[in-house]
Amino acid sequence: MLIREFCAENFTDIPRVTAAGVERIELCDNLAQGGTTPSYGVIKETADYLSERKTTFATMIRPRGGDFVYHSIEVRIMETDILKALEAGTNELVFGALTPENELDIDVLETLMIASQGLPVTFHMAFDAIPYEQQKTALDTLVELGFDKILMHGDSLDKPVNTEHIAELVKHASGRIQILAGGGVSAETAQAVADLTGSQYVHGTRIISY
């Protein structure tokens, strides 16, 4: 079964994509910056709207645009935002953190996973910044940390989704963690991307026609 995750900037499109049958929503703000944390009010209204519907949603936790290297105050902001997102009723969470060398920031990720209180968590497209030769080891580490999914494009966003590379990581994951293919995936290409990668999860702002 194809599981389409619509990337929603605030609440605006949620009623329409839900009516069109989308399976999942990633809720964020500031898509021009790659997505940042939406407000408490947006999360709460989304949770209330979807509470009796089949569509589930994950809330982006990202304090700013730019890189994914966070100092201690930003980490505290993210912890607070996670707690408020849980309070507002989010089903899942989305975040990531890297070191200046583009490796996983284990200390930050462990802190944020504790704050998440067992809710399913997706590691977002910061994964694409990790050097190719380190990505399988990084995937293994995310499994150990308790992550549920990884969102990735498989290459830089100025290039088409790298289905061959994603397929290699899907094979390596062997069902231990799910991989969402995103970045330029549309309603027209979603099934083909899923077939080529071996993952039923696809993600994007044009992932469903409505």
C-alpha atoms as a PDB file:
ATOM      1  CA  MET A   1       0.000   0.000   0.000  1.00  0.00           C
ATOM      2  CA  LEU A   2       1.337   3.422  -0.980  1.00  0.00           C
ATOM      3  CA  ILE A   3       1.557   5.762   2.006  1.00  0.00           C
ATOM      4  CA  ARG A   4       1.618   9.390   0.856  1.00  0.00           C
ATOM      5  CA  GLU A   5       2.854  12.053   3.270  1.00  0.00           C
ATOM      6  CA  PHE A   6       1.782  15.571   2.337  1.00  0.00           C
ATOM      7  CA  CYS A   7       4.105  18.347   3.496  1.00  0.00           C
ATOM      8  CA  ALA A   8       1.746  21.050   4.812  1.00  0.00           C
ATOM      9  CA  GLU A   9       2.736  24.616   5.529  1.00  0.00           C
ATOM     10  CA  ASN A  10       0.343  25.529   8.352  1.00  0.00           C
ATOM     11  CA  PHE A  11      -3.296  24.409   8.394  1.00  0.00           C
ATOM     12  CA  THR A  12      -4.442  25.846   5.051  1.00  0.00           C
ATOM     13  CA  ASP A  13      -4.381  22.756   2.810  1.00  0.00           C
ATOM     14  CA  ILE A  14      -5.157  20.136   5.453  1.00  0.00           C
ATOM     15  CA  PRO A  15      -8.953  19.917   4.944  1.00  0.00           C
ATOM     16  CA  ARG A  16      -8.494  19.530   1.172  1.00  0.00           C
ATOM     17  CA  VAL A  17      -5.753  16.894   1.232  1.00  0.00           C
ATOM     18  CA  THR A  18      -7.557  14.982   3.971  1.00  0.00           C
ATOM     19  CA  ALA A  19     -10.734  14.953   1.878  1.00  0.00           C
ATOM     20  CA  ALA A  20      -8.625  13.713  -1.051  1.00  0.00           C
ATOM     21  CA  GLY A  21      -7.521  10.739   1.052  1.00  0.00           C
ATOM     22  CA  VAL A  22      -3.902  11.449   1.926  1.00  0.00           C
ATOM     23  CA  GLU A  23      -2.561   8.979   4.489  1.00  0.00           C
ATOM     24  CA  ARG A  24      -0.119  11.200   6.397  1.00  0.00           C
ATOM     25  CA  ILE A  25       0.729  14.866   6.864  1.00  0.00           C
ATOM     26  CA  GLU A  26       3.995  16.496   7.899  1.00  0.00           C
ATOM     27  CA  LEU A  27       3.033  19.772   9.540  1.00  0.00           C
ATOM     28  CA  CYS A  28       5.532  22.616   9.432  1.00  0.00           C
ATOM     29  CA  ASP A  29       5.961  26.333   8.789  1.00  0.00           C
ATOM     30  CA  ASN A  30       8.324  28.328   6.546  1.00  0.00           C
ATOM     31  CA  LEU A  31       8.743  25.891   3.665  1.00  0.00           C
ATOM     32  CA  ALA A  32      10.971  28.459   1.957  1.00  0.00           C
ATOM     33  CA  GLN A  33      13.464  27.675   4.748  1.00  0.00           C
ATOM     34  CA  GLY A  34      12.978  23.930   4.413  1.00  0.00           C
ATOM     35  CA  GLY A  35      10.364  23.800   7.179  1.00  0.00           C
ATOM     36  CA  THR A  36      10.405  24.989  10.798  1.00  0.00           C
ATOM     37  CA  THR A  37       8.266  24.336  13.875  1.00  0.00           C
ATOM     38  CA  PRO A  38       4.622  25.390  13.454  1.00  0.00           C
ATOM     39  CA  SER A  39       2.825  27.266  16.212  1.00  0.00           C
ATOM     40  CA  TYR A  40       1.065  25.567  19.106  1.00  0.00           C
ATOM     41  CA  GLY A  41      -2.266  26.796  17.757  1.00  0.00           C
ATOM     42  CA  VAL A  42      -1.676  25.253  14.335  1.00  0.00           C
ATOM     43  CA  ILE A  43      -0.682  21.916  15.883  1.00  0.00           C
ATOM     44  CA  LYS A  44      -3.720  21.939  18.196  1.00  0.00           C
ATOM     45  CA  GLU A  45      -6.208  22.766  15.438  1.00  0.00           C
ATOM     46  CA  THR A  46      -4.678  20.111  13.189  1.00  0.00           C
ATOM     47  CA  ALA A  47      -4.888  17.510  15.951  1.00  0.00           C
ATOM     48  CA  ASP A  48      -8.518  18.407  16.658  1.00  0.00           C
ATOM     49  CA  TYR A  49      -9.425  18.340  12.951  1.00  0.00           C
ATOM     50  CA  LEU A  50      -7.806  14.953  12.335  1.00  0.00           C
ATOM     51  CA  SER A  51      -8.857  13.326  15.604  1.00  0.00           C
ATOM     52  CA  GLU A  52     -11.735  11.384  14.045  1.00  0.00           C
ATOM     53  CA  ARG A  53     -10.163  10.909  10.612  1.00  0.00           C
ATOM     54  CA  LYS A  54      -7.797   8.243   9.274  1.00  0.00           C
ATOM     55  CA  THR A  55      -5.062  10.721   8.319  1.00  0.00           C
ATOM     56  CA  THR A  56      -2.232  10.983  10.861  1.00  0.00           C
ATOM     57  CA  PHE A  57       0.259  13.813  11.195  1.00  0.00           C
ATOM     58  CA  ALA A  58       3.803  14.485  12.315  1.00  0.00           C
ATOM     59  CA  THR A  59       5.037  17.854  13.569  1.00  0.00           C
ATOM     60  CA  MET A  60       8.333  19.326  12.430  1.00  0.00           C
ATOM     61  CA  ILE A  61      10.614  20.401  15.287  1.00  0.00           C
ATOM     62  CA  ARG A  62      13.195  22.795  13.872  1.00  0.00           C
ATOM     63  CA  PRO A  63      13.898  26.159  15.514  1.00  0.00           C
ATOM     64  CA  ARG A  64      15.222  27.928  12.397  1.00  0.00           C
ATOM     65  CA  GLY A  65      16.282  27.509   8.796  1.00  0.00           C
ATOM     66  CA  GLY A  66      19.880  27.010   7.757  1.00  0.00           C
ATOM     67  CA  ASP A  67      22.067  24.172   8.953  1.00  0.00           C
ATOM     68  CA  PHE A  68      21.260  21.424  11.456  1.00  0.00           C
ATOM     69  CA  VAL A  69      23.979  22.213  13.997  1.00  0.00           C
ATOM     70  CA  TYR A  70      22.310  23.421  17.199  1.00  0.00           C
ATOM     71  CA  HIS A  71      23.754  25.089  20.294  1.00  0.00           C
ATOM     72  CA  SER A  72      22.472  24.454  23.817  1.00  0.00           C
ATOM     73  CA  ILE A  73      19.781  27.163  23.827  1.00  0.00           C
ATOM     74  CA  GLU A  74      18.381  25.916  20.503  1.00  0.00           C
ATOM     75  CA  VAL A  75      18.253  22.390  21.916  1.00  0.00           C
ATOM     76  CA  ARG A  76      16.261  23.665  24.901  1.00  0.00           C
ATOM     77  CA  ILE A  77      13.907  25.426  22.490  1.00  0.00           C
ATOM     78  CA  MET A  78      13.422  22.150  20.615  1.00  0.00           C
ATOM     79  CA  GLU A  79      12.770  20.266  23.858  1.00  0.00           C
ATOM     80  CA  THR A  80      10.091  22.794  24.809  1.00  0.00           C
ATOM     81  CA  ASP A  81       8.552  22.668  21.333  1.00  0.00           C
ATOM     82  CA  ILE A  82       8.402  18.866  21.530  1.00  0.00           C
ATOM     83  CA  LEU A  83       6.609  19.020  24.876  1.00  0.00           C
ATOM     84  CA  LYS A  84       4.131  21.593  23.531  1.00  0.00           C
ATOM     85  CA  ALA A  85       3.545  19.520  20.372  1.00  0.00           C
ATOM     86  CA  LEU A  86       2.776  16.493  22.550  1.00  0.00           C
ATOM     87  CA  GLU A  87       0.432  18.600  24.645  1.00  0.00           C
ATOM     88  CA  ALA A  88      -1.302  19.843  21.483  1.00  0.00           C
ATOM     89  CA  GLY A  89      -1.916  16.271  20.328  1.00  0.00           C
ATOM     90  CA  THR A  90       0.578  15.522  17.558  1.00  0.00           C
ATOM     91  CA  ASN A  91       0.704  11.880  16.444  1.00  0.00           C
ATOM     92  CA  GLU A  92       4.402  11.886  15.552  1.00  0.00           C
ATOM     93  CA  LEU A  93       7.467  14.144  15.448  1.00  0.00           C
ATOM     94  CA  VAL A  94      10.104  15.075  12.863  1.00  0.00           C
ATOM     95  CA  PHE A  95      13.573  16.384  13.738  1.00  0.00           C
ATOM     96  CA  GLY A  96      17.293  15.924  13.170  1.00  0.00           C
ATOM     97  CA  ALA A  97      20.641  17.243  14.397  1.00  0.00           C
ATOM     98  CA  LEU A  98      24.161  17.079  12.995  1.00  0.00           C
ATOM     99  CA  THR A  99      27.669  17.992  14.101  1.00  0.00           C
ATOM    100  CA  PRO A 100      29.719  20.566  12.143  1.00  0.00           C
ATOM    101  CA  GLU A 101      31.279  17.552  10.360  1.00  0.00           C
ATOM    102  CA  ASN A 102      27.820  16.434   9.158  1.00  0.00           C
ATOM    103  CA  GLU A 103      27.701  13.424  11.428  1.00  0.00           C
ATOM    104  CA  LEU A 104      24.792  12.575  13.707  1.00  0.00           C
ATOM    105  CA  ASP A 105      24.840  14.669  16.893  1.00  0.00           C
ATOM    106  CA  ILE A 106      24.177  11.788  19.258  1.00  0.00           C
ATOM    107  CA  ASP A 107      23.990  13.894  22.429  1.00  0.00           C
ATOM    108  CA  VAL A 108      21.349  16.217  20.985  1.00  0.00           C
ATOM    109  CA  LEU A 109      19.370  13.367  19.442  1.00  0.00           C
ATOM    110  CA  GLU A 110      19.335  11.410  22.715  1.00  0.00           C
ATOM    111  CA  THR A 111      18.079  14.504  24.545  1.00  0.00           C
ATOM    112  CA  LEU A 112      15.291  15.080  22.021  1.00  0.00           C
ATOM    113  CA  MET A 113      14.282  11.414  21.964  1.00  0.00           C
ATOM    114  CA  ILE A 114      13.833  11.497  25.741  1.00  0.00           C
ATOM    115  CA  ALA A 115      11.619  14.573  25.380  1.00  0.00           C
ATOM    116  CA  SER A 116       9.578  12.726  22.717  1.00  0.00           C
ATOM    117  CA  GLN A 117       8.300  10.255  25.348  1.00  0.00           C
ATOM    118  CA  GLY A 118       8.125   7.293  22.983  1.00  0.00           C
ATOM    119  CA  LEU A 119       6.222   9.000  20.165  1.00  0.00           C
ATOM    120  CA  PRO A 120       7.282   7.839  16.665  1.00  0.00           C
ATOM    121  CA  VAL A 121      10.011  10.112  15.285  1.00  0.00           C
ATOM    122  CA  THR A 122      11.228  10.717  11.725  1.00  0.00           C
ATOM    123  CA  PHE A 123      14.788  11.931  11.111  1.00  0.00           C
ATOM    124  CA  HIS A 124      14.331  14.598   8.439  1.00  0.00           C
ATOM    125  CA  MET A 125      16.299  15.482   5.292  1.00  0.00           C
ATOM    126  CA  ALA A 126      19.350  16.485   7.300  1.00  0.00           C
ATOM    127  CA  PHE A 127      20.188  12.846   6.584  1.00  0.00           C
ATOM    128  CA  ASP A 128      21.107  13.799   3.018  1.00  0.00           C
ATOM    129  CA  ALA A 129      23.919  16.015   4.361  1.00  0.00           C
ATOM    130  CA  ILE A 130      25.657  12.983   5.881  1.00  0.00           C
ATOM    131  CA  PRO A 131      28.413  11.720   3.527  1.00  0.00           C
ATOM    132  CA  TYR A 132      27.268   8.741   1.438  1.00  0.00           C
ATOM    133  CA  GLU A 133      29.886   6.394   2.853  1.00  0.00           C
ATOM    134  CA  GLN A 134      28.634   7.066   6.402  1.00  0.00           C
ATOM    135  CA  GLN A 135      24.906   6.784   5.775  1.00  0.00           C
ATOM    136  CA  LYS A 136      24.510   3.056   6.436  1.00  0.00           C
ATOM    137  CA  THR A 137      26.260   3.420   9.793  1.00  0.00           C
ATOM    138  CA  ALA A 138      24.116   6.497  10.535  1.00  0.00           C
ATOM    139  CA  LEU A 139      20.983   4.512   9.692  1.00  0.00           C
ATOM    140  CA  ASP A 140      22.060   1.778  12.118  1.00  0.00           C
ATOM    141  CA  THR A 141      22.606   4.402  14.821  1.00  0.00           C
ATOM    142  CA  LEU A 142      19.149   5.928  14.248  1.00  0.00           C
ATOM    143  CA  VAL A 143      17.638   2.471  14.679  1.00  0.00           C
ATOM    144  CA  GLU A 144      19.493   2.100  17.991  1.00  0.00           C
ATOM    145  CA  LEU A 145      18.280   5.536  19.112  1.00  0.00           C
ATOM    146  CA  GLY A 146      14.687   4.505  18.460  1.00  0.00           C
ATOM    147  CA  PHE A 147      13.854   6.489  15.322  1.00  0.00           C
ATOM    148  CA  ASP A 148      10.884   5.182  13.354  1.00  0.00           C
ATOM    149  CA  LYS A 149      11.572   6.682   9.909  1.00  0.00           C
ATOM    150  CA  ILE A 150      14.107   8.601   7.816  1.00  0.00           C
ATOM    151  CA  LEU A 151      13.092  11.214   5.242  1.00  0.00           C
ATOM    152  CA  MET A 152      15.598  11.536   2.429  1.00  0.00           C
ATOM    153  CA  HIS A 153      16.070  12.631  -1.176  1.00  0.00           C
ATOM    154  CA  GLY A 154      19.169  10.575  -1.769  1.00  0.00           C
ATOM    155  CA  ASP A 155      21.084  13.479  -3.290  1.00  0.00           C
ATOM    156  CA  SER A 156      21.170  17.289  -3.288  1.00  0.00           C
ATOM    157  CA  LEU A 157      17.757  18.823  -3.896  1.00  0.00           C
ATOM    158  CA  ASP A 158      18.830  20.364  -7.185  1.00  0.00           C
ATOM    159  CA  LYS A 159      18.971  16.820  -8.606  1.00  0.00           C
ATOM    160  CA  PRO A 160      16.177  14.251  -9.143  1.00  0.00           C
ATOM    161  CA  VAL A 161      15.373  11.921  -6.266  1.00  0.00           C
ATOM    162  CA  ASN A 162      18.122   9.273  -6.197  1.00  0.00           C
ATOM    163  CA  THR A 163      15.973   6.155  -6.186  1.00  0.00           C
ATOM    164  CA  GLU A 164      18.959   3.841  -6.650  1.00  0.00           C
ATOM    165  CA  HIS A 165      20.701   5.134  -3.522  1.00  0.00           C
ATOM    166  CA  ILE A 166      17.487   5.103  -1.495  1.00  0.00           C
ATOM    167  CA  ALA A 167      16.823   1.526  -2.612  1.00  0.00           C
ATOM    168  CA  GLU A 168      20.277   0.549  -1.334  1.00  0.00           C
ATOM    169  CA  LEU A 169      19.470   2.011   2.086  1.00  0.00           C
ATOM    170  CA  VAL A 170      15.999   0.431   2.133  1.00  0.00           C
ATOM    171  CA  LYS A 171      17.693  -2.924   1.555  1.00  0.00           C
ATOM    172  CA  HIS A 172      20.228  -2.197   4.296  1.00  0.00           C
ATOM    173  CA  ALA A 173      17.444  -1.165   6.710  1.00  0.00           C
ATOM    174  CA  SER A 174      15.741  -4.516   6.163  1.00  0.00           C
ATOM    175  CA  GLY A 175      12.538  -3.326   7.832  1.00  0.00           C
ATOM    176  CA  ARG A 176      14.249  -2.025  10.975  1.00  0.00           C
ATOM    177  CA  ILE A 177      13.371   1.565  10.061  1.00  0.00           C
ATOM    178  CA  GLN A 178      11.141   2.994   7.325  1.00  0.00           C
ATOM    179  CA  ILE A 179      12.482   5.346   4.658  1.00  0.00           C
ATOM    180  CA  LEU A 180      10.395   8.128   3.097  1.00  0.00           C
ATOM    181  CA  ALA A 181      11.470   9.258  -0.371  1.00  0.00           C
ATOM    182  CA  GLY A 182      10.896  12.989  -0.777  1.00  0.00           C
ATOM    183  CA  GLY A 183      11.931  16.115  -2.625  1.00  0.00           C
ATOM    184  CA  GLY A 184      10.291  16.551  -6.012  1.00  0.00           C
ATOM    185  CA  VAL A 185       8.015  13.521  -5.692  1.00  0.00           C
ATOM    186  CA  SER A 186       4.547  14.265  -7.082  1.00  0.00           C
ATOM    187  CA  ALA A 187       1.199  12.511  -7.340  1.00  0.00           C
ATOM    188  CA  GLU A 188       2.185  11.444 -10.860  1.00  0.00           C
ATOM    189  CA  THR A 189       5.587   9.984  -9.894  1.00  0.00           C
ATOM    190  CA  ALA A 190       4.841   8.660  -6.394  1.00  0.00           C
ATOM    191  CA  GLN A 191       4.096   5.060  -7.366  1.00  0.00           C
ATOM    192  CA  ALA A 192       7.112   4.847  -9.652  1.00  0.00           C
ATOM    193  CA  VAL A 193       9.379   6.202  -6.901  1.00  0.00           C
ATOM    194  CA  ALA A 194       7.945   3.680  -4.448  1.00  0.00           C
ATOM    195  CA  ASP A 195       8.505   0.842  -6.911  1.00  0.00           C
ATOM    196  CA  LEU A 196      12.089   1.900  -7.644  1.00  0.00           C
ATOM    197  CA  THR A 197      13.088   2.424  -3.999  1.00  0.00           C
ATOM    198  CA  GLY A 198      11.250  -0.509  -2.471  1.00  0.00           C
ATOM    199  CA  SER A 199       9.626   1.792   0.097  1.00  0.00           C
ATOM    200  CA  GLN A 200       5.896   2.414   0.240  1.00  0.00           C
ATOM    201  CA  TYR A 201       6.449   5.818   1.893  1.00  0.00           C
ATOM    202  CA  VAL A 202       6.608   8.938  -0.316  1.00  0.00           C
ATOM    203  CA  HIS A 203       6.644  12.601   0.732  1.00  0.00           C
ATOM    204  CA  GLY A 204       6.118  15.996  -0.845  1.00  0.00           C
ATOM    205  CA  THR A 205       4.071  19.148  -1.307  1.00  0.00           C
ATOM    206  CA  ARG A 206       2.524  17.772  -4.518  1.00  0.00           C
ATOM    207  CA  ILE A 207       2.150  14.181  -3.401  1.00  0.00           C
ATOM    208  CA  ILE A 208      -1.630  14.145  -3.896  1.00  0.00           C
ATOM    209  CA  SER A 209      -4.018  15.706  -6.414  1.00  0.00           C
ATOM    210  CA  TYR A 210      -6.800  17.734  -4.822  1.00  0.00           C
END
